[in-house]
């Protein structure tokens, strides 16, 4: 039961799925038309989930990976670099699309930087990519609530914290990471996301 629950949280909040969840939160209520919002979400999902998943599958098919779980640190290099490139593509496409909420390209840009840093760190240490994704989610939820914290924003942040705690527990329960690796991932995702969103927002407001 414990293993099944941990696997469930790890799959539902997989780092390749989290960007689509967050994009949906940002787009809902912010996009003028339903069609443009659906197109934006389609682009985000295709670039941040579809392309990396397809590329990882091809690496596995060609025998470059032993498992889709990427348990070995050295086998994460290719998938992480591919994911960073795909996240960067999503950032570029969304930035150059009309009518997109300003927070969305900043969110994707922050995630791109976080994945690149994860890729570099992985050469020496198996930092938790799940933790990085949930840290980025918390950064986005904080910015969605800022500066006027209503009940909806507080409730969303509480759900985000609960989900982050569940994912952290899951990665430890599956013995995929140590506590330090999970905490480091959360902090990396949170600080990188906040830094890019705040700096990019200030830059865009000043231009």
Protein backbone atom coordinates (compact mmCIF):
# COMPACT_ATOMS: atom_id res chain seq x y z
CA UNK A 1 0.00 0.00 0.00
CA UNK A 2 2.82 2.38 0.92
CA UNK A 3 4.71 1.60 -2.29
CA UNK A 4 1.56 2.04 -4.39
CA UNK A 5 0.79 5.43 -2.82
CA UNK A 6 4.37 6.61 -3.29
CA UNK A 7 4.33 5.50 -6.93
CA UNK A 8 1.00 7.28 -7.46
CA UNK A 9 2.33 10.62 -6.19
CA UNK A 10 5.55 10.22 -8.15
CA UNK A 11 3.63 9.61 -11.39
CA UNK A 12 0.87 12.20 -10.94
CA UNK A 13 3.41 14.91 -10.03
CA UNK A 14 6.08 13.82 -12.48
CA UNK A 15 8.40 16.72 -13.43
CA UNK A 16 7.22 16.51 -17.05
CA UNK A 17 3.56 16.90 -16.03
CA UNK A 18 3.91 19.73 -13.51
CA UNK A 19 4.47 22.49 -16.14
CA UNK A 20 1.15 21.65 -17.82
CA UNK A 21 -0.69 21.79 -14.48
CA UNK A 22 0.83 25.18 -13.72
CA UNK A 23 0.20 26.52 -17.22
CA UNK A 24 -3.46 25.57 -16.85
CA UNK A 25 -3.65 27.53 -13.57
CA UNK A 26 -2.06 30.58 -15.17
CA UNK A 27 -4.12 30.45 -18.36
CA UNK A 28 -7.53 29.83 -16.77
CA UNK A 29 -9.23 33.19 -16.34
CA UNK A 30 -6.36 35.04 -18.04
CA UNK A 31 -6.75 34.13 -21.70
CA UNK A 32 -9.33 36.12 -23.69
CA UNK A 33 -10.70 33.19 -25.66
CA UNK A 34 -11.04 29.49 -24.95
CA UNK A 35 -9.46 28.56 -28.28
CA UNK A 36 -6.29 30.58 -27.66
CA UNK A 37 -6.04 29.17 -24.14
CA UNK A 38 -6.37 25.61 -25.42
CA UNK A 39 -3.73 26.26 -28.06
CA UNK A 40 -1.34 27.64 -25.45
CA UNK A 41 -1.85 24.64 -23.19
CA UNK A 42 -1.37 22.34 -26.16
CA UNK A 43 1.97 23.96 -26.96
CA UNK A 44 3.11 23.74 -23.33
CA UNK A 45 2.02 20.11 -22.94
CA UNK A 46 3.59 19.11 -26.26
CA UNK A 47 6.94 20.73 -25.52
CA UNK A 48 7.27 19.99 -21.81
CA UNK A 49 5.76 16.50 -21.75
CA UNK A 50 5.28 15.07 -25.25
CA UNK A 51 8.70 15.78 -26.75
CA UNK A 52 10.79 14.85 -23.66
CA UNK A 53 8.75 11.67 -23.11
CA UNK A 54 9.13 10.70 -26.77
CA UNK A 55 12.86 11.40 -26.72
CA UNK A 56 13.36 9.40 -23.53
CA UNK A 57 11.38 6.56 -25.06
CA UNK A 58 13.64 6.57 -28.11
CA UNK A 59 16.73 6.49 -25.89
CA UNK A 60 15.27 3.50 -24.06
CA UNK A 61 14.37 1.78 -27.34
CA UNK A 62 17.93 2.22 -28.61
CA UNK A 63 19.33 0.69 -25.42
CA UNK A 64 20.80 3.92 -24.04
CA UNK A 65 18.66 3.68 -20.90
CA UNK A 66 18.09 0.71 -18.64
CA UNK A 67 14.78 1.98 -17.25
CA UNK A 68 12.29 4.80 -17.65
CA UNK A 69 12.71 5.43 -13.91
CA UNK A 70 16.25 6.78 -14.52
CA UNK A 71 17.45 5.44 -11.20
CA UNK A 72 21.11 5.62 -12.18
CA UNK A 73 22.55 9.14 -12.01
CA UNK A 74 24.66 8.75 -15.14
CA UNK A 75 21.63 7.77 -17.21
CA UNK A 76 19.93 11.08 -16.45
CA UNK A 77 22.31 13.22 -18.51
CA UNK A 78 20.61 12.75 -21.89
CA UNK A 79 16.99 12.99 -20.72
CA UNK A 80 17.71 16.08 -18.61
CA UNK A 81 19.51 17.89 -21.42
CA UNK A 82 16.70 16.99 -23.83
CA UNK A 83 14.12 18.22 -21.31
CA UNK A 84 15.95 21.52 -20.85
CA UNK A 85 15.97 22.08 -24.63
CA UNK A 86 12.26 21.26 -24.88
CA UNK A 87 11.41 23.57 -21.98
CA UNK A 88 13.43 26.29 -23.70
CA UNK A 89 11.45 25.71 -26.90
CA UNK A 90 8.19 26.04 -24.96
CA UNK A 91 9.43 29.30 -23.43
CA UNK A 92 10.32 30.68 -26.86
CA UNK A 93 7.02 29.70 -28.47
CA UNK A 94 4.89 31.03 -25.62
CA UNK A 95 6.87 34.28 -25.37
CA UNK A 96 6.25 34.98 -29.06
CA UNK A 97 2.53 34.14 -28.92
CA UNK A 98 -0.03 36.96 -28.65
CA UNK A 99 -2.45 37.16 -25.73
CA UNK A 100 -0.42 34.92 -23.41
CA UNK A 101 -0.46 35.82 -19.68
CA UNK A 102 2.80 37.53 -18.75
CA UNK A 103 3.51 35.06 -15.95
CA UNK A 104 3.52 32.02 -18.25
CA UNK A 105 6.76 32.63 -20.21
CA UNK A 106 8.45 33.64 -16.95
CA UNK A 107 7.26 30.39 -15.36
CA UNK A 108 8.58 28.32 -18.26
CA UNK A 109 11.81 30.28 -18.37
CA UNK A 110 12.38 29.63 -14.68
CA UNK A 111 11.76 25.93 -15.19
CA UNK A 112 14.18 25.86 -18.12
CA UNK A 113 16.92 27.38 -15.97
CA UNK A 114 16.11 24.98 -13.13
CA UNK A 115 16.35 21.94 -15.43
CA UNK A 116 19.66 23.17 -16.83
CA UNK A 117 21.01 23.54 -13.30
CA UNK A 118 19.68 20.08 -12.45
CA UNK A 119 21.50 18.70 -15.50
CA UNK A 120 24.79 20.26 -14.38
CA UNK A 121 24.41 19.16 -10.74
CA UNK A 122 23.63 15.61 -11.87
CA UNK A 123 27.21 15.19 -13.09
CA UNK A 124 28.22 15.10 -9.41
CA UNK A 125 25.06 14.42 -7.41
CA UNK A 126 21.63 12.86 -7.93
CA UNK A 127 19.46 15.84 -7.01
CA UNK A 128 15.70 15.18 -7.05
CA UNK A 129 14.07 16.31 -10.30
CA UNK A 130 10.67 15.74 -8.65
CA UNK A 131 11.75 18.15 -5.94
CA UNK A 132 12.84 20.72 -8.51
CA UNK A 133 9.45 20.50 -10.23
CA UNK A 134 7.50 20.92 -7.00
CA UNK A 135 9.72 23.80 -5.92
CA UNK A 136 8.93 25.53 -9.20
CA UNK A 137 5.25 24.87 -8.58
CA UNK A 138 5.44 26.57 -5.18
CA UNK A 139 7.18 29.57 -6.75
CA UNK A 140 4.38 29.88 -9.29
CA UNK A 141 1.66 29.60 -6.64
CA UNK A 142 3.37 32.29 -4.57
CA UNK A 143 3.44 34.65 -7.56
CA UNK A 144 -0.17 33.88 -8.47
CA UNK A 145 -1.22 35.00 -4.99
CA UNK A 146 1.02 38.06 -4.88
CA UNK A 147 0.38 40.80 -3.80
CA UNK A 148 -3.28 40.49 -2.74
CA UNK A 149 -3.64 37.23 -0.83
CA UNK A 150 -7.26 36.09 -0.99
CA UNK A 151 -8.74 32.87 0.32
CA UNK A 152 -8.42 31.21 -3.09
CA UNK A 153 -4.70 32.01 -3.28
CA UNK A 154 -4.09 30.77 0.26
CA UNK A 155 -6.04 27.58 -0.44
CA UNK A 156 -4.03 27.01 -3.63
CA UNK A 157 -0.75 27.52 -1.78
CA UNK A 158 -1.87 25.11 0.95
CA UNK A 159 -2.66 22.50 -1.68
CA UNK A 160 0.72 23.11 -3.31
CA UNK A 161 2.55 22.66 -0.01
CA UNK A 162 0.59 19.48 0.66
CA UNK A 163 1.44 18.13 -2.80
CA UNK A 164 5.12 19.02 -2.34
CA UNK A 165 5.19 17.23 1.00
CA UNK A 166 3.50 14.18 -0.54
CA UNK A 167 6.02 14.05 -3.39
CA UNK A 168 8.94 14.44 -1.00
CA UNK A 169 7.59 11.58 1.10
CA UNK A 170 7.06 9.47 -2.02
CA UNK A 171 10.63 9.89 -3.28
CA UNK A 172 11.97 8.90 0.13
CA UNK A 173 9.55 5.99 0.47
CA UNK A 174 10.67 4.63 -2.91
CA UNK A 175 14.29 5.13 -1.84
CA UNK A 176 14.88 7.12 -5.03
CA UNK A 177 16.66 9.93 -3.16
CA UNK A 178 18.05 10.94 0.19
CA UNK A 179 16.49 13.69 2.30
CA UNK A 180 19.25 16.07 1.25
CA UNK A 181 18.61 15.41 -2.45
CA UNK A 182 14.88 16.02 -2.06
CA UNK A 183 15.33 19.22 -0.03
CA UNK A 184 17.96 20.48 -2.45
CA UNK A 185 15.60 19.89 -5.37
CA UNK A 186 12.77 21.77 -3.67
CA UNK A 187 15.03 24.71 -2.83
CA UNK A 188 16.54 24.81 -6.32
CA UNK A 189 13.13 24.85 -7.99
CA UNK A 190 11.71 27.42 -5.58
CA UNK A 191 14.63 29.87 -5.63
CA UNK A 192 15.23 29.61 -9.37
CA UNK A 193 11.53 30.03 -10.14
CA UNK A 194 11.17 33.07 -7.88
CA UNK A 195 14.39 34.66 -9.16
CA UNK A 196 13.47 34.34 -12.84
CA UNK A 197 9.85 35.39 -12.32
CA UNK A 198 10.74 38.41 -10.16
CA UNK A 199 13.68 39.55 -12.29
CA UNK A 200 11.87 38.94 -15.56
CA UNK A 201 8.74 40.66 -14.29
CA UNK A 202 10.66 43.72 -13.12
CA UNK A 203 12.54 43.86 -16.44
CA UNK A 204 9.36 43.62 -18.49
CA UNK A 205 7.56 46.20 -16.38
CA UNK A 206 10.43 48.61 -16.77
CA UNK A 207 10.67 48.21 -20.54
